Protein backbone atom coordinates (compact mmCIF):
# COMPACT_ATOMS: atom_id res chain seq x y z
CA UNK A 1 -2.85 -73.62 -34.60
CA UNK A 2 -3.28 -72.23 -31.10
CA UNK A 3 0.48 -71.93 -30.63
CA UNK A 4 0.87 -70.11 -33.98
CA UNK A 5 -1.94 -67.72 -33.10
CA UNK A 6 -0.40 -66.95 -29.69
CA UNK A 7 2.98 -66.39 -31.32
CA UNK A 8 1.50 -63.98 -33.84
CA UNK A 9 -0.22 -62.06 -31.06
CA UNK A 10 3.06 -61.69 -29.22
CA UNK A 11 4.77 -60.44 -32.36
CA UNK A 12 2.02 -57.91 -33.00
CA UNK A 13 2.19 -56.72 -29.39
CA UNK A 14 5.99 -56.31 -29.63
CA UNK A 15 5.64 -54.38 -32.89
CA UNK A 16 3.04 -52.04 -31.35
CA UNK A 17 5.23 -51.53 -28.26
CA UNK A 18 8.26 -50.67 -30.42
CA UNK A 19 6.20 -48.18 -32.46
CA UNK A 20 4.90 -46.49 -29.29
CA UNK A 21 8.42 -46.22 -27.86
CA UNK A 22 9.73 -44.79 -31.14
CA UNK A 23 6.97 -42.20 -31.32
CA UNK A 24 7.48 -41.17 -27.69
CA UNK A 25 11.21 -40.64 -28.28
CA UNK A 26 10.88 -38.83 -31.60
CA UNK A 27 7.97 -36.51 -30.72
CA UNK A 28 8.62 -33.34 -28.71
CA UNK A 29 7.63 -33.35 -25.06
CA UNK A 30 4.16 -32.19 -24.24
CA UNK A 31 4.14 -28.95 -22.27
CA UNK A 32 2.98 -28.92 -18.68
CA UNK A 33 -0.78 -28.16 -18.73
CA UNK A 34 -0.53 -25.82 -15.72
CA UNK A 35 2.39 -23.96 -17.24
CA UNK A 36 0.57 -23.63 -20.55
CA UNK A 37 -2.53 -22.34 -18.78
CA UNK A 38 -0.44 -19.79 -16.85
CA UNK A 39 1.29 -18.61 -20.01
CA UNK A 40 -2.02 -18.15 -21.85
CA UNK A 41 -3.60 -16.24 -18.98
CA UNK A 42 -0.56 -13.99 -18.51
CA UNK A 43 -0.64 -13.22 -22.22
CA UNK A 44 -4.30 -12.21 -22.07
CA UNK A 45 -3.99 -10.23 -18.84
CA UNK A 46 -2.52 -6.77 -19.26
CA UNK A 47 -0.22 -6.68 -16.24
CA UNK A 48 1.96 -3.93 -17.68
CA UNK A 49 -0.44 -1.32 -16.31
CA UNK A 50 0.44 -2.65 -12.85
CA UNK A 51 4.18 -3.11 -13.29
CA UNK A 52 4.61 0.44 -14.61
CA UNK A 53 3.81 1.77 -11.14
CA UNK A 54 7.08 0.40 -9.80
CA UNK A 55 8.82 3.29 -11.59
CA UNK A 56 7.20 5.63 -9.05
CA UNK A 57 9.13 4.21 -6.09
CA UNK A 58 12.80 4.77 -5.32
CA UNK A 59 15.18 2.72 -7.50
CA UNK A 60 16.85 1.22 -4.43
CA UNK A 61 13.56 -0.45 -3.46
CA UNK A 62 12.80 -1.91 -6.89
CA UNK A 63 15.14 -4.86 -6.36
CA UNK A 64 12.83 -6.13 -3.57
CA UNK A 65 9.69 -6.13 -5.71
CA UNK A 66 8.40 -9.57 -6.74
CA UNK A 67 8.04 -10.13 -10.47
CA UNK A 68 4.92 -11.19 -12.36
CA UNK A 69 6.63 -13.40 -14.93
CA UNK A 70 5.85 -17.06 -15.55
CA UNK A 71 9.00 -18.39 -13.85
CA UNK A 72 8.50 -16.19 -10.80
CA UNK A 73 4.88 -17.26 -10.35
CA UNK A 74 5.93 -20.92 -10.58
CA UNK A 75 8.69 -20.30 -8.02
CA UNK A 76 11.57 -20.76 -10.47
CA UNK A 77 12.71 -17.14 -10.61
CA UNK A 78 15.86 -15.67 -9.16
CA UNK A 79 15.90 -14.83 -5.46
CA UNK A 80 15.31 -11.19 -4.57
CA UNK A 81 16.89 -9.10 -1.82
CA UNK A 82 16.59 -10.35 1.74
CA UNK A 83 14.97 -8.83 4.80
CA UNK A 84 18.31 -7.81 6.27
CA UNK A 85 19.18 -5.81 3.16
CA UNK A 86 15.79 -4.13 3.26
CA UNK A 87 16.18 -3.09 6.92
CA UNK A 88 19.65 -1.76 6.15
CA UNK A 89 18.31 0.34 3.28
CA UNK A 90 15.51 1.69 5.50
CA UNK A 91 17.98 2.73 8.20
CA UNK A 92 20.26 4.35 5.66
CA UNK A 93 17.30 6.10 4.04
CA UNK A 94 16.09 7.45 7.39
CA UNK A 95 19.47 8.93 8.31
CA UNK A 96 19.78 10.29 4.80
CA UNK A 97 16.47 12.12 5.21
CA UNK A 98 17.59 13.45 8.60
CA UNK A 99 20.78 14.80 7.03
CA UNK A 100 18.81 16.36 4.17
CA UNK A 101 16.53 18.05 6.72
CA UNK A 102 19.49 19.35 8.75
CA UNK A 103 19.11 22.77 7.11
CA UNK A 104 15.75 23.06 8.86
CA UNK A 105 17.45 22.32 12.20
CA UNK A 106 20.12 24.93 11.54
CA UNK A 107 17.64 27.63 10.53
CA UNK A 108 15.29 27.07 13.45
CA UNK A 109 18.07 26.92 16.06
CA UNK A 110 19.83 30.04 14.75
CA UNK A 111 16.65 32.13 14.58
CA UNK A 112 15.52 30.91 18.02
CA UNK A 113 18.88 31.72 19.64
CA UNK A 114 18.99 35.15 17.99
CA UNK A 115 15.50 35.85 19.27
CA UNK A 116 16.58 34.84 22.79
CA UNK A 117 19.64 37.11 22.65
CA UNK A 118 17.62 39.98 21.21
CA UNK A 119 14.98 39.48 23.84
CA UNK A 120 17.54 39.72 26.64
CA UNK A 121 19.16 42.82 25.16
CA UNK A 122 15.87 44.62 24.68
CA UNK A 123 14.73 43.56 28.12
CA UNK A 124 17.76 45.21 29.71
CA UNK A 125 16.68 48.53 28.20
CA UNK A 126 13.19 48.14 29.64
CA UNK A 127 11.32 49.00 26.44
CA UNK A 128 8.41 46.57 26.29
CA UNK A 129 7.25 47.73 22.86
CA UNK A 130 10.65 46.95 21.38
CA UNK A 131 10.61 43.55 23.09
CA UNK A 132 7.19 42.77 21.61
CA UNK A 133 8.33 43.90 18.17
CA UNK A 134 11.44 41.69 18.34
CA UNK A 135 9.30 38.74 19.42
CA UNK A 136 6.83 39.32 16.61
CA UNK A 137 9.55 39.46 13.94
CA UNK A 138 11.31 36.30 15.11
CA UNK A 139 7.97 34.52 15.60
CA UNK A 140 6.96 35.27 12.01
CA UNK A 141 10.36 34.13 10.69
CA UNK A 142 10.11 30.80 12.54
CA UNK A 143 6.50 30.44 11.37
CA UNK A 144 7.56 30.96 7.76
CA UNK A 145 10.30 28.32 8.06
CA UNK A 146 7.93 25.84 9.69
CA UNK A 147 5.24 26.47 7.09
CA UNK A 148 7.69 25.70 4.30
CA UNK A 149 8.63 22.35 5.84
CA UNK A 150 4.98 21.56 6.62
CA UNK A 151 3.94 22.36 3.06
CA UNK A 152 6.67 20.05 1.74
CA UNK A 153 5.61 17.20 4.05
CA UNK A 154 1.92 17.63 3.17
CA UNK A 155 2.72 17.58 -0.55
CA UNK A 156 4.79 14.40 -0.13
CA UNK A 157 1.88 12.74 1.69
CA UNK A 158 -0.71 13.83 -0.89
CA UNK A 159 1.47 12.59 -3.75
CA UNK A 160 1.81 9.22 -2.01
CA UNK A 161 -1.98 8.99 -1.54
CA UNK A 162 -2.58 9.88 -5.20
CA UNK A 163 -0.08 7.23 -6.33
CA UNK A 164 -1.70 4.57 -4.16
CA UNK A 165 -5.21 5.49 -5.36
CA UNK A 166 -4.12 5.35 -9.01
CA UNK A 167 -2.52 1.96 -8.38
CA UNK A 168 -5.65 0.64 -6.68
CA UNK A 169 -7.79 1.80 -9.63
CA UNK A 170 -5.51 -0.19 -11.93
CA UNK A 171 -5.35 -3.18 -9.58
CA UNK A 172 -9.01 -3.73 -8.75
CA UNK A 173 -10.24 -4.62 -12.29
CA UNK A 174 -7.39 -7.13 -12.64
CA UNK A 175 -8.15 -8.69 -9.26
CA UNK A 176 -11.87 -8.84 -10.09
CA UNK A 177 -11.07 -10.66 -13.35
CA UNK A 178 -8.84 -13.15 -11.54
CA UNK A 179 -11.45 -13.66 -8.83
CA UNK A 180 -14.03 -14.51 -11.47
CA UNK A 181 -11.53 -16.87 -13.12
CA UNK A 182 -11.09 -18.88 -9.90
CA UNK A 183 -14.85 -19.10 -9.49
CA UNK A 184 -15.44 -16.10 -7.23
CA UNK A 185 -18.05 -14.60 -9.54
CA UNK A 186 -20.32 -13.36 -6.75
CA UNK A 187 -17.37 -11.99 -4.80
CA UNK A 188 -16.05 -10.11 -7.84
CA UNK A 189 -19.51 -8.75 -8.70
CA UNK A 190 -20.04 -7.53 -5.13
CA UNK A 191 -16.61 -6.15 -4.34
CA UNK A 192 -15.52 -4.51 -7.57
CA UNK A 193 -17.98 -1.56 -7.51
CA UNK A 194 -17.85 -1.33 -3.71
CA UNK A 195 -14.08 -1.14 -3.59
CA UNK A 196 -13.81 1.33 -6.47
CA UNK A 197 -16.28 3.60 -4.67
CA UNK A 198 -14.49 3.10 -1.33
CA UNK A 199 -11.05 3.93 -2.70
CA UNK A 200 -12.36 7.07 -4.41
CA UNK A 201 -14.19 8.13 -1.25
CA UNK A 202 -11.11 7.62 0.91
CA UNK A 203 -8.98 9.73 -1.41
CA UNK A 204 -11.59 12.49 -1.52
CA UNK A 205 -12.04 12.58 2.26
CA UNK A 206 -8.29 12.72 2.88
CA UNK A 207 -7.63 15.41 0.27
CA UNK A 208 -10.67 17.66 0.73
CA UNK A 209 -11.60 17.19 4.40
CA UNK A 210 -8.81 15.70 6.52
CA UNK A 211 -5.87 17.71 5.23
CA UNK A 212 -7.83 21.02 5.31
CA UNK A 213 -8.70 20.23 8.95
CA UNK A 214 -4.99 19.80 9.69
CA UNK A 215 -4.31 23.15 8.01
CA UNK A 216 -7.05 24.82 10.07
CA UNK A 217 -5.52 23.36 13.22
CA UNK A 218 -2.15 24.84 12.23
CA UNK A 219 -3.66 28.31 11.70
CA UNK A 220 -5.50 28.19 15.03
CA UNK A 221 -2.32 27.07 16.76
CA UNK A 222 -0.39 29.99 15.26
CA UNK A 223 -3.00 32.48 16.43
CA UNK A 224 -3.11 30.88 19.88
CA UNK A 225 0.67 31.14 20.38
CA UNK A 226 1.02 34.57 18.81
CA UNK A 227 -0.65 36.39 21.65
CA UNK A 228 -1.60 35.18 25.14
CA UNK A 229 -4.62 37.53 24.99
CA UNK A 230 -6.10 35.56 22.10
CA UNK A 231 -6.70 32.04 23.51
CA UNK A 232 -7.43 29.47 20.82
CA UNK A 233 -5.50 26.49 22.16
CA UNK A 234 -8.64 24.50 22.99
CA UNK A 235 -10.14 25.15 19.59
CA UNK A 236 -6.94 24.04 17.84
CA UNK A 237 -6.95 20.86 19.93
CA UNK A 238 -10.61 20.26 19.07
CA UNK A 239 -9.89 20.55 15.34
CA UNK A 240 -7.05 18.01 15.64
CA UNK A 241 -9.32 15.72 17.64
CA UNK A 242 -12.00 16.11 14.97
CA UNK A 243 -9.53 15.00 12.29
CA UNK A 244 -8.56 11.96 14.37
CA UNK A 245 -12.21 11.02 14.87
CA UNK A 246 -12.89 11.39 11.16
CA UNK A 247 -9.98 9.13 10.29
CA UNK A 248 -11.07 6.52 12.85
CA UNK A 249 -14.69 6.65 11.65
CA UNK A 250 -13.57 6.23 8.03
CA UNK A 251 -11.46 3.21 8.94
CA UNK A 252 -14.26 1.54 10.94
CA UNK A 253 -16.88 2.09 8.20
CA UNK A 254 -14.52 0.82 5.50
CA UNK A 255 -13.60 -2.33 7.46
CA UNK A 256 -17.24 -3.03 8.31
CA UNK A 257 -18.32 -2.76 4.67
CA UNK A 258 -15.62 -5.22 3.60
CA UNK A 259 -16.46 -7.75 6.28
CA UNK A 260 -20.25 -7.55 5.96
CA UNK A 261 -20.35 -7.61 2.16
CA UNK A 262 -17.84 -10.45 1.97
CA UNK A 263 -19.22 -12.74 4.64
CA UNK A 264 -21.42 -14.87 2.36
CA UNK A 265 -20.18 -14.42 -1.21
CA UNK A 266 -17.05 -16.67 -1.00
CA UNK A 267 -19.05 -19.52 0.56
CA UNK A 268 -21.72 -19.23 -2.14
CA UNK A 269 -19.03 -19.20 -4.85
CA UNK A 270 -17.38 -22.29 -3.35
CA UNK A 271 -20.65 -24.22 -3.23
CA UNK A 272 -21.47 -23.19 -6.80
CA UNK A 273 -18.09 -24.44 -7.97
CA UNK A 274 -18.53 -27.79 -6.24
CA UNK A 275 -21.98 -28.17 -7.78
CA UNK A 276 -20.73 -27.29 -11.27
CA UNK A 277 -17.82 -29.71 -10.99
CA UNK A 278 -20.08 -32.54 -9.79
CA UNK A 279 -22.66 -31.98 -12.52
CA UNK A 280 -20.01 -31.75 -15.23
CA UNK A 281 -18.16 -34.91 -14.25
CA UNK A 282 -21.37 -36.87 -13.62
CA UNK A 283 -23.84 -35.95 -16.34
CA UNK A 284 -21.64 -34.98 -19.27
CA UNK A 285 -20.81 -38.27 -21.02
CA UNK A 286 -17.28 -39.31 -22.03
CA UNK A 287 -15.57 -35.90 -21.74
CA UNK A 288 -17.15 -34.71 -18.50
CA UNK A 289 -14.28 -35.83 -16.29
CA UNK A 290 -11.67 -34.41 -18.66
CA UNK A 291 -13.50 -31.08 -18.85
CA UNK A 292 -13.70 -30.89 -15.06
CA UNK A 293 -9.96 -31.62 -14.82
CA UNK A 294 -9.16 -28.93 -17.39
CA UNK A 295 -11.31 -26.50 -15.44
CA UNK A 296 -9.31 -27.36 -12.31
CA UNK A 297 -6.03 -26.59 -14.11
CA UNK A 298 -7.29 -23.24 -15.40
CA UNK A 299 -8.59 -22.24 -11.97
CA UNK A 300 -5.35 -23.34 -10.34
CA UNK A 301 -3.38 -21.16 -12.74
CA UNK A 302 -5.68 -18.21 -12.09
CA UNK A 303 -5.28 -18.75 -8.36
CA UNK A 304 -1.48 -18.66 -8.65
CA UNK A 305 -1.61 -15.47 -10.73
CA UNK A 306 -4.09 -13.86 -8.33
CA UNK A 307 -1.93 -14.58 -5.31
CA UNK A 308 1.18 -13.36 -7.12
CA UNK A 309 -0.56 -10.13 -8.11
CA UNK A 310 -1.80 -9.72 -4.54
CA UNK A 311 1.70 -10.11 -3.10
CA UNK A 312 3.06 -7.70 -5.69
CA UNK A 313 0.37 -5.16 -4.77
CA UNK A 314 1.07 -5.46 -1.03
CA UNK A 315 4.81 -4.99 -1.49
CA UNK A 316 4.34 -2.06 -3.87
CA UNK A 317 1.89 -0.35 -1.48
CA UNK A 318 4.41 -0.83 1.31
CA UNK A 319 7.13 0.90 -0.71
CA UNK A 320 4.71 3.67 -1.72
CA UNK A 321 4.33 4.27 2.02
CA UNK A 322 7.96 3.81 3.08
CA UNK A 323 9.61 6.86 1.51
CA UNK A 324 6.97 9.45 2.58
CA UNK A 325 6.90 8.04 6.10
CA UNK A 326 10.70 8.28 6.37
CA UNK A 327 10.67 11.87 5.06
CA UNK A 328 7.92 13.05 7.42
CA UNK A 329 9.41 11.16 10.35
CA UNK A 330 12.80 12.81 9.73
CA UNK A 331 11.18 16.27 9.86
CA UNK A 332 9.40 15.34 13.11
CA UNK A 333 12.73 14.27 14.62
CA UNK A 334 14.22 17.62 13.60
CA UNK A 335 11.39 19.50 15.35
CA UNK A 336 11.87 17.44 18.50
CA UNK A 337 15.61 18.14 18.54
CA UNK A 338 15.00 21.88 18.07
CA UNK A 339 12.49 21.90 20.93
CA UNK A 340 15.02 20.24 23.23
CA UNK A 341 17.72 22.73 22.28
CA UNK A 342 15.75 25.98 22.55
CA UNK A 343 13.51 25.20 25.51
CA UNK A 344 16.01 26.41 28.18
CA UNK A 345 16.73 29.77 26.50
CA UNK A 346 13.69 30.80 24.44
CA UNK A 347 10.18 31.96 25.14
CA UNK A 348 7.87 29.01 25.74
CA UNK A 349 5.64 30.23 22.91
CA UNK A 350 8.37 29.28 20.42
CA UNK A 351 8.46 25.77 21.86
CA UNK A 352 4.68 25.52 21.76
CA UNK A 353 4.70 26.75 18.17
CA UNK A 354 7.13 24.02 17.14
CA UNK A 355 5.01 21.53 19.09
CA UNK A 356 1.95 22.52 17.06
CA UNK A 357 3.76 21.85 13.80
CA UNK A 358 5.11 18.59 15.19
CA UNK A 359 1.58 17.43 16.09
CA UNK A 360 0.33 18.38 12.62
CA UNK A 361 3.14 16.37 11.00
CA UNK A 362 2.31 13.40 13.21
CA UNK A 363 -1.30 13.70 12.08
CA UNK A 364 -0.16 13.66 8.46
CA UNK A 365 1.96 10.57 9.09
CA UNK A 366 -0.90 8.78 10.87
CA UNK A 367 -3.32 9.69 8.08
CA UNK A 368 -0.95 8.35 5.44
CA UNK A 369 -0.38 5.14 7.39
CA UNK A 370 -4.13 4.65 7.94
CA UNK A 371 -4.96 5.11 4.26
CA UNK A 372 -2.21 2.64 3.36
CA UNK A 373 -3.56 0.18 5.93
CA UNK A 374 -7.04 0.37 4.39
CA UNK A 375 -5.59 -0.39 0.97
CA UNK A 376 -3.57 -3.24 2.48
CA UNK A 377 -6.75 -4.70 3.96
CA UNK A 378 -8.49 -4.35 0.58
CA UNK A 379 -5.84 -6.44 -1.18
CA UNK A 380 -5.72 -9.00 1.63
CA UNK A 381 -9.50 -9.40 1.57
CA UNK A 382 -9.55 -9.95 -2.19
CA UNK A 383 -6.75 -12.53 -1.99
CA UNK A 384 -8.19 -14.35 1.02
CA UNK A 385 -11.76 -14.44 -0.27
CA UNK A 386 -10.60 -15.86 -3.59
CA UNK A 387 -8.64 -18.54 -1.74
CA UNK A 388 -11.66 -19.25 0.45
CA UNK A 389 -13.86 -19.81 -2.59
CA UNK A 390 -11.36 -22.32 -3.98
CA UNK A 391 -11.06 -23.98 -0.56
CA UNK A 392 -14.83 -24.35 -0.29
CA UNK A 393 -14.78 -26.01 -3.71
C-alpha cells in the first residue's frame, strides 16, 4: 500500500508540473513591473508642456536634446549627437553670427574713416567750428549705428530670459510632483513656492532694474564722450559697477536660500521613507512586504523620470543660452575689431564710445549667463535633493 501511495503521489506531482509548464508557455509574458510603472506615470504626467519648449531653440540643436519617452528613460533609445558634433555646430554658428554682423563692421569702419578724413581736411583750413560740427555729425551717426546693434542684442537677451523663465514655470510643478513621488514630500513643499517666487523675482530684477541700469550707463557714456567739458566717465563706471554688484548680490542671495532651505528637508524625507517602509513590512500582515516592494518599484520609476526630466531641463536651458551668447559675443568681437582698426586714425573719443558699447554688451552677456547659471543650479538642486532623499531611505 505504501508503494502504491508513493507512486500515486509521483504521478500527481508530474501532472501538476506538466500543467504548470503548459500554462507558462501558453500565457503571455508578464510585463516588467518597473516598465509598467514608468508607462503609467508617463501617461499621467503631462510632459508635453515641457517638450513643446524645444521648438523655441534652433533646429540644428534639437537633435542633441534627450527624449522623455519610455525607451529613452530606460536607456534603450537611439543614440543622439556626440560632443564633437555639438562643438562643430557651435563653432560654425559663431562664425555664422560674425559674418551676419559684418555689416556692422563695414558701417562703423566706413563712417570712422570718413570722419578722420573730414577732420584732417577741415583742420587744414583752420576752422574749429567746422571741425566740431563734422565731429558731432559723425559721432551721432556712429552712436545711431551702435544703438541699433545694442538694442538688437538687448532684445535677444531679454527674449532668452523670458523663454527660460516660462520654461522654469512649466518645469517646477512637474519636478515638485516627481519629488513627492520619490518621497521628497517636505522638499517639494518647501522648494516649490520658494523657487517659483525666486524665478519670478530674478526675471523682474533683470528686466526692470538691471537692464535699465545698463541703458543708463550707455547714456552717461555717450554724454561723457560727446564733450570733454562734460565729464561723466566716473558716473558711467559707477552705474556699471552698481549693475555688477546687483547681479552678484542676487546670485549670492539665491544660492543661500537654496542651500539653507534644503539642508534638512531631504534628510527628513529619507528618514520618513525608511520608517514607513519598516512599519509597512513589519506590522502589515501577509501583504506588507509585497506592498513595500511595490512602493519601491513606483519610487524607482519616479526617480528615473525625475532624473530624465532634470537632464532634459539642463540641456534645454543650455541651448536657450547658447544662441543668444553666440550672437552677443559676435557683436562684441565686431566692436573689438573696429576699435583696433580705427584707433590709429580716429579721435580717441570714437574709440572710447565703441568701448562703452562693448562694455555694455559684455554686461548683457554676463547677466544672461548668470541668470542661466541660477536656473541651472535650481534644476541641479531639485535633482540632487530628490536623489539624496532616496539614498537616505
